[in-house]
Amino acid sequence: MNTFDRLTQQLNQLLAQDYLAFSITKNPVAQMLSQASFAQIAYIMQQYSIFPKELVGFTELARQKALVAEWDIVAQELKENIAEEMGKSTQGISHYTLLAEGLEQGLSVPVKNTTPSIATSKLLTTVQSIFEQQLPNVLGAIYAIEATSIPELTLIVQLLDWLLEGAMPKDLEYFFSKHLNEWELEHEAGLRTSLAAYIQPEQFGEFAAGFRATIDAMEAWWQELAQEAISSRVVLSTAIAQITD
């Protein structure tokens, strides 16, 4: 095992040990299920859908920085990930569209026009600021997004099973099966392998800082989403999910 692989192994262990958001039992939203209403958890699904929508833009920022640094193998890996997200293997239908339309069909609530809440806006602003930093920080951030994808999607499946009482629409079932069993595994492994060809030990600290800043932001987001759903009267309007006092 090379030194970079040891670093990513340590970061993934940190993710599993120190962060509640990526645990299907300790996540703050999972913990509120026994007292939650359908509207509260559907609201969280609407807010969750925004991050996959923005993911392509963040990945493109990382790709551009890798190109400037002439980390060409990393840039190519990110380009392939973007192509897949945009529908390369799904008949030109983006992964976000598959998710949003599947949620709309399954939950009978609007998803595509969801406005970011305070918590979601804060997450996007924080992640944007990380992606404006130096290349090792940015690649630590994009690796964090890949490393958290399987535990996060596993949590989403659990929340949807609660909402749908186990009756997952076929399109959503396909979406989650492909992500959990194929796409995300390939993205994480491909990115890790491509990074190992370039990143030097003196850059490990910046890489780890970008990783940790990203998962810190996601940890806070899940906590704040749970608080938004609990403390506010959630209204699922016909057009946009809103929170009212």
Protein backbone atom coordinates (compact mmCIF):
# COMPACT_ATOMS: atom_id res chain seq x y z
CA MET A 1 0.00 0.00 0.00
CA ASN A 2 1.46 3.38 -0.99
CA THR A 3 1.48 6.36 1.35
CA PHE A 4 -1.44 8.06 -0.42
CA ASP A 5 -3.57 4.93 -0.09
CA ARG A 6 -2.76 4.92 3.62
CA LEU A 7 -3.90 8.53 3.85
CA THR A 8 -7.24 7.86 2.14
CA GLN A 9 -7.72 4.77 4.31
CA GLN A 10 -7.18 6.90 7.43
CA LEU A 11 -9.59 9.55 6.17
CA ASN A 12 -12.25 6.95 5.44
CA GLN A 13 -11.79 5.50 8.93
CA LEU A 14 -12.19 9.01 10.36
CA LEU A 15 -15.40 9.38 8.37
CA ALA A 16 -16.82 6.16 9.79
CA GLN A 17 -15.73 6.77 13.38
CA ASP A 18 -16.16 10.49 14.04
CA TYR A 19 -19.13 11.62 11.96
CA LEU A 20 -22.79 10.91 12.72
CA ALA A 21 -24.22 12.11 9.41
CA PHE A 22 -23.02 9.05 7.51
CA SER A 23 -24.39 6.47 9.96
CA ILE A 24 -27.78 4.97 9.16
CA THR A 25 -28.53 4.74 12.89
CA LYS A 26 -26.88 7.89 14.31
CA ASN A 27 -27.69 10.37 11.54
CA PRO A 28 -29.89 13.10 13.11
CA VAL A 29 -32.63 12.61 10.51
CA ALA A 30 -32.60 8.83 10.96
CA GLN A 31 -32.91 9.43 14.71
CA MET A 32 -36.06 11.51 14.31
CA LEU A 33 -37.94 8.94 12.18
CA SER A 34 -40.00 7.54 15.04
CA GLN A 35 -41.54 10.99 15.71
CA ALA A 36 -41.38 12.45 12.20
CA SER A 37 -44.22 13.26 9.82
CA PHE A 38 -44.25 12.38 6.13
CA ALA A 39 -43.97 16.10 5.26
CA GLN A 40 -40.86 16.55 7.41
CA ILE A 41 -38.94 13.68 5.81
CA ALA A 42 -40.19 14.55 2.31
CA TYR A 43 -38.90 18.08 2.93
CA ILE A 44 -35.48 16.66 3.77
CA MET A 45 -35.56 14.59 0.55
CA GLN A 46 -36.30 17.76 -1.41
CA GLN A 47 -33.38 19.57 0.20
CA TYR A 48 -31.07 16.58 -0.25
CA SER A 49 -31.78 16.54 -4.00
CA ILE A 50 -30.16 19.97 -4.39
CA PHE A 51 -26.64 18.75 -3.60
CA PRO A 52 -26.50 16.13 -6.41
CA LYS A 53 -27.80 18.87 -8.71
CA GLU A 54 -24.81 21.09 -7.84
CA LEU A 55 -22.27 18.26 -7.87
CA VAL A 56 -21.44 18.52 -11.58
CA GLY A 57 -20.51 22.18 -11.18
CA PHE A 58 -18.17 21.43 -8.27
CA THR A 59 -16.58 18.54 -10.17
CA GLU A 60 -16.02 20.81 -13.17
CA LEU A 61 -14.24 23.35 -10.93
CA ALA A 62 -11.93 20.56 -9.75
CA ARG A 63 -11.35 19.41 -13.33
CA GLN A 64 -10.40 22.89 -14.46
CA LYS A 65 -7.89 23.26 -11.63
CA ALA A 66 -6.41 19.84 -12.44
CA LEU A 67 -6.03 20.86 -16.09
CA VAL A 68 -4.21 24.07 -15.15
CA ALA A 69 -1.82 22.07 -12.96
CA GLU A 70 -1.38 19.53 -15.80
CA TRP A 71 -2.66 16.70 -13.63
CA ASP A 72 -4.11 15.27 -16.82
CA ILE A 73 -5.06 11.80 -15.54
CA VAL A 74 -7.04 13.38 -12.68
CA ALA A 75 -8.70 15.80 -15.12
CA GLN A 76 -9.66 12.91 -17.41
CA GLU A 77 -11.09 10.91 -14.49
CA LEU A 78 -13.20 13.89 -13.43
CA LYS A 79 -14.30 14.44 -17.03
CA GLU A 80 -15.53 10.84 -17.20
CA ASN A 81 -17.35 11.21 -13.89
CA ILE A 82 -19.09 14.35 -15.18
CA ALA A 83 -20.08 12.55 -18.39
CA GLU A 84 -21.63 9.75 -16.35
CA GLU A 85 -23.45 12.21 -14.08
CA MET A 86 -24.82 13.93 -17.18
CA GLY A 87 -26.27 10.71 -18.63
CA LYS A 88 -23.54 8.91 -20.58
CA SER A 89 -24.82 5.51 -19.47
CA THR A 90 -28.46 6.52 -18.85
CA GLN A 91 -29.66 7.47 -22.34
CA GLY A 92 -28.67 11.09 -21.91
CA ILE A 93 -30.76 11.57 -18.77
CA SER A 94 -28.70 13.12 -15.98
CA HIS A 95 -28.45 11.37 -12.63
CA TYR A 96 -30.02 14.41 -10.99
CA THR A 97 -33.03 14.20 -13.33
CA LEU A 98 -33.40 10.48 -12.60
CA LEU A 99 -33.35 11.20 -8.88
CA ALA A 100 -35.63 14.25 -8.96
CA GLU A 101 -38.24 12.67 -11.24
CA GLY A 102 -38.11 9.43 -9.26
CA LEU A 103 -38.71 11.32 -6.02
CA GLU A 104 -41.55 13.31 -7.58
CA GLN A 105 -43.16 10.11 -8.84
CA GLY A 106 -42.68 8.17 -5.63
CA LEU A 107 -43.50 10.87 -3.10
CA SER A 108 -45.97 12.95 -5.13
CA VAL A 109 -44.22 16.15 -4.07
CA PRO A 110 -42.34 18.70 -6.19
CA VAL A 111 -38.56 18.31 -6.22
CA LYS A 112 -37.08 20.02 -9.28
CA ASN A 113 -38.09 23.53 -8.19
CA THR A 114 -36.99 23.20 -4.58
CA THR A 115 -35.45 26.35 -3.15
CA PRO A 116 -32.38 25.83 -0.94
CA SER A 117 -33.15 26.30 2.74
CA ILE A 118 -30.85 28.23 5.07
CA ALA A 119 -28.97 25.01 5.91
CA THR A 120 -28.61 23.99 2.27
CA SER A 121 -27.53 27.46 1.18
CA LYS A 122 -24.89 27.43 3.91
CA LEU A 123 -23.61 24.04 2.72
CA LEU A 124 -23.34 25.18 -0.90
CA THR A 125 -21.58 28.41 0.09
CA THR A 126 -19.09 26.53 2.27
CA VAL A 127 -18.33 23.91 -0.37
CA GLN A 128 -17.96 26.64 -3.01
CA SER A 129 -15.36 28.38 -0.82
CA ILE A 130 -13.40 25.12 -0.43
CA PHE A 131 -13.38 24.63 -4.20
CA GLU A 132 -11.80 28.09 -4.60
CA GLN A 133 -8.72 26.98 -2.61
CA GLN A 134 -5.50 25.34 -3.81
CA LEU A 135 -5.65 22.17 -5.90
CA PRO A 136 -4.80 19.66 -3.10
CA ASN A 137 -7.60 21.12 -0.92
CA VAL A 138 -10.04 20.97 -3.83
CA LEU A 139 -9.15 17.37 -4.62
CA GLY A 140 -9.51 16.47 -0.95
CA ALA A 141 -13.00 17.98 -1.13
CA ILE A 142 -14.02 16.12 -4.30
CA TYR A 143 -12.63 12.90 -2.82
CA ALA A 144 -14.70 13.50 0.34
CA ILE A 145 -17.84 13.79 -1.79
CA GLU A 146 -17.04 10.45 -3.45
CA ALA A 147 -16.08 8.80 -0.15
CA THR A 148 -19.34 9.86 1.53
CA SER A 149 -21.59 8.93 -1.38
CA ILE A 150 -22.25 5.29 -0.48
CA PRO A 151 -23.03 5.84 3.23
CA GLU A 152 -25.15 8.87 2.33
CA LEU A 153 -27.09 7.06 -0.41
CA THR A 154 -27.61 4.12 1.96
CA LEU A 155 -29.18 6.56 4.40
CA ILE A 156 -31.36 8.07 1.65
CA VAL A 157 -32.63 4.59 0.72
CA GLN A 158 -33.56 4.03 4.37
CA LEU A 159 -35.46 7.33 4.53
CA LEU A 160 -37.26 6.55 1.27
CA ASP A 161 -38.20 3.08 2.49
CA TRP A 162 -39.78 4.81 5.51
CA LEU A 163 -41.64 7.29 3.30
CA LEU A 164 -42.75 4.76 0.69
CA GLU A 165 -43.33 1.91 3.15
CA GLY A 166 -41.03 -0.27 1.06
CA ALA A 167 -42.74 0.35 -2.31
CA MET A 168 -39.79 1.87 -4.18
CA PRO A 169 -40.59 2.85 -7.81
CA LYS A 170 -38.52 0.88 -10.35
CA ASP A 171 -36.70 3.95 -11.66
CA LEU A 172 -35.58 4.93 -8.17
CA GLU A 173 -34.62 1.35 -7.39
CA TYR A 174 -32.44 1.32 -10.53
CA PHE A 175 -30.89 4.68 -9.61
CA PHE A 176 -29.84 3.56 -6.14
CA SER A 177 -28.79 0.06 -7.18
CA LYS A 178 -26.46 1.38 -9.90
CA HIS A 179 -24.97 4.03 -7.64
CA LEU A 180 -24.44 1.74 -4.66
CA ASN A 181 -23.20 -1.32 -6.54
CA GLU A 182 -21.34 0.15 -9.50
CA TRP A 183 -21.04 3.87 -10.23
CA GLU A 184 -19.90 5.20 -6.85
CA LEU A 185 -17.46 2.35 -6.26
CA GLU A 186 -15.88 3.06 -9.66
CA HIS A 187 -15.76 6.82 -9.08
CA GLU A 188 -14.04 6.52 -5.69
CA ALA A 189 -11.51 3.94 -6.89
CA GLY A 190 -10.79 5.77 -10.15
CA LEU A 191 -10.29 9.11 -8.43
CA ARG A 192 -8.08 7.61 -5.71
CA THR A 193 -5.90 5.84 -8.30
CA SER A 194 -5.53 8.92 -10.49
CA LEU A 195 -4.66 11.15 -7.52
CA ALA A 196 -1.95 8.76 -6.35
CA ALA A 197 -0.05 9.42 -9.59
CA TYR A 198 0.42 13.11 -8.72
CA ILE A 199 -0.13 14.09 -5.13
CA GLN A 200 3.03 14.35 -3.04
CA PRO A 201 3.46 13.75 0.71
CA GLU A 202 3.99 17.48 1.32
CA GLN A 203 0.48 18.05 -0.11
CA PHE A 204 -1.22 15.46 2.10
CA GLY A 205 -2.01 18.04 4.78
CA GLU A 206 -3.89 20.28 2.35
CA PHE A 207 -5.68 17.29 0.84
CA ALA A 208 -6.79 16.11 4.31
CA ALA A 209 -7.87 19.67 5.21
CA GLY A 210 -10.09 19.86 2.12
CA PHE A 211 -11.52 16.44 2.94
CA ARG A 212 -12.27 17.34 6.54
CA ALA A 213 -13.71 20.78 5.73
CA THR A 214 -16.14 19.14 3.31
CA ILE A 215 -17.35 16.43 5.66
CA ASP A 216 -17.58 18.96 8.50
CA ALA A 217 -19.90 21.00 6.26
CA MET A 218 -21.99 17.94 5.38
CA GLU A 219 -22.16 16.88 9.03
CA ALA A 220 -23.49 20.34 9.98
CA TRP A 221 -25.94 20.27 7.04
CA TRP A 222 -27.61 17.06 8.16
CA GLN A 223 -27.87 18.32 11.74
CA GLU A 224 -29.36 21.62 10.57
CA LEU A 225 -31.78 19.93 8.13
CA ALA A 226 -33.13 17.85 11.00
CA GLN A 227 -33.51 21.00 13.12
CA GLU A 228 -35.28 22.83 10.29
CA ALA A 229 -37.76 20.00 9.86
CA ILE A 230 -38.40 19.67 13.60
CA SER A 231 -38.57 23.32 14.63
CA SER A 232 -40.54 24.68 11.70
CA ARG A 233 -43.94 23.95 10.26
CA VAL A 234 -43.04 22.32 6.96
CA VAL A 235 -45.35 23.17 4.10
CA LEU A 236 -45.17 21.10 0.90
CA SER A 237 -46.60 23.63 -1.54
CA THR A 238 -47.70 22.76 -5.05
CA ALA A 239 -44.61 24.44 -6.51
CA ILE A 240 -41.80 24.74 -3.99
CA ALA A 241 -41.03 23.29 -0.57
CA GLN A 242 -41.12 26.10 1.93
CA ILE A 243 -40.52 26.52 5.63
CA THR A 244 -42.79 28.87 7.49
CA ASP A 245 -42.50 30.01 11.07
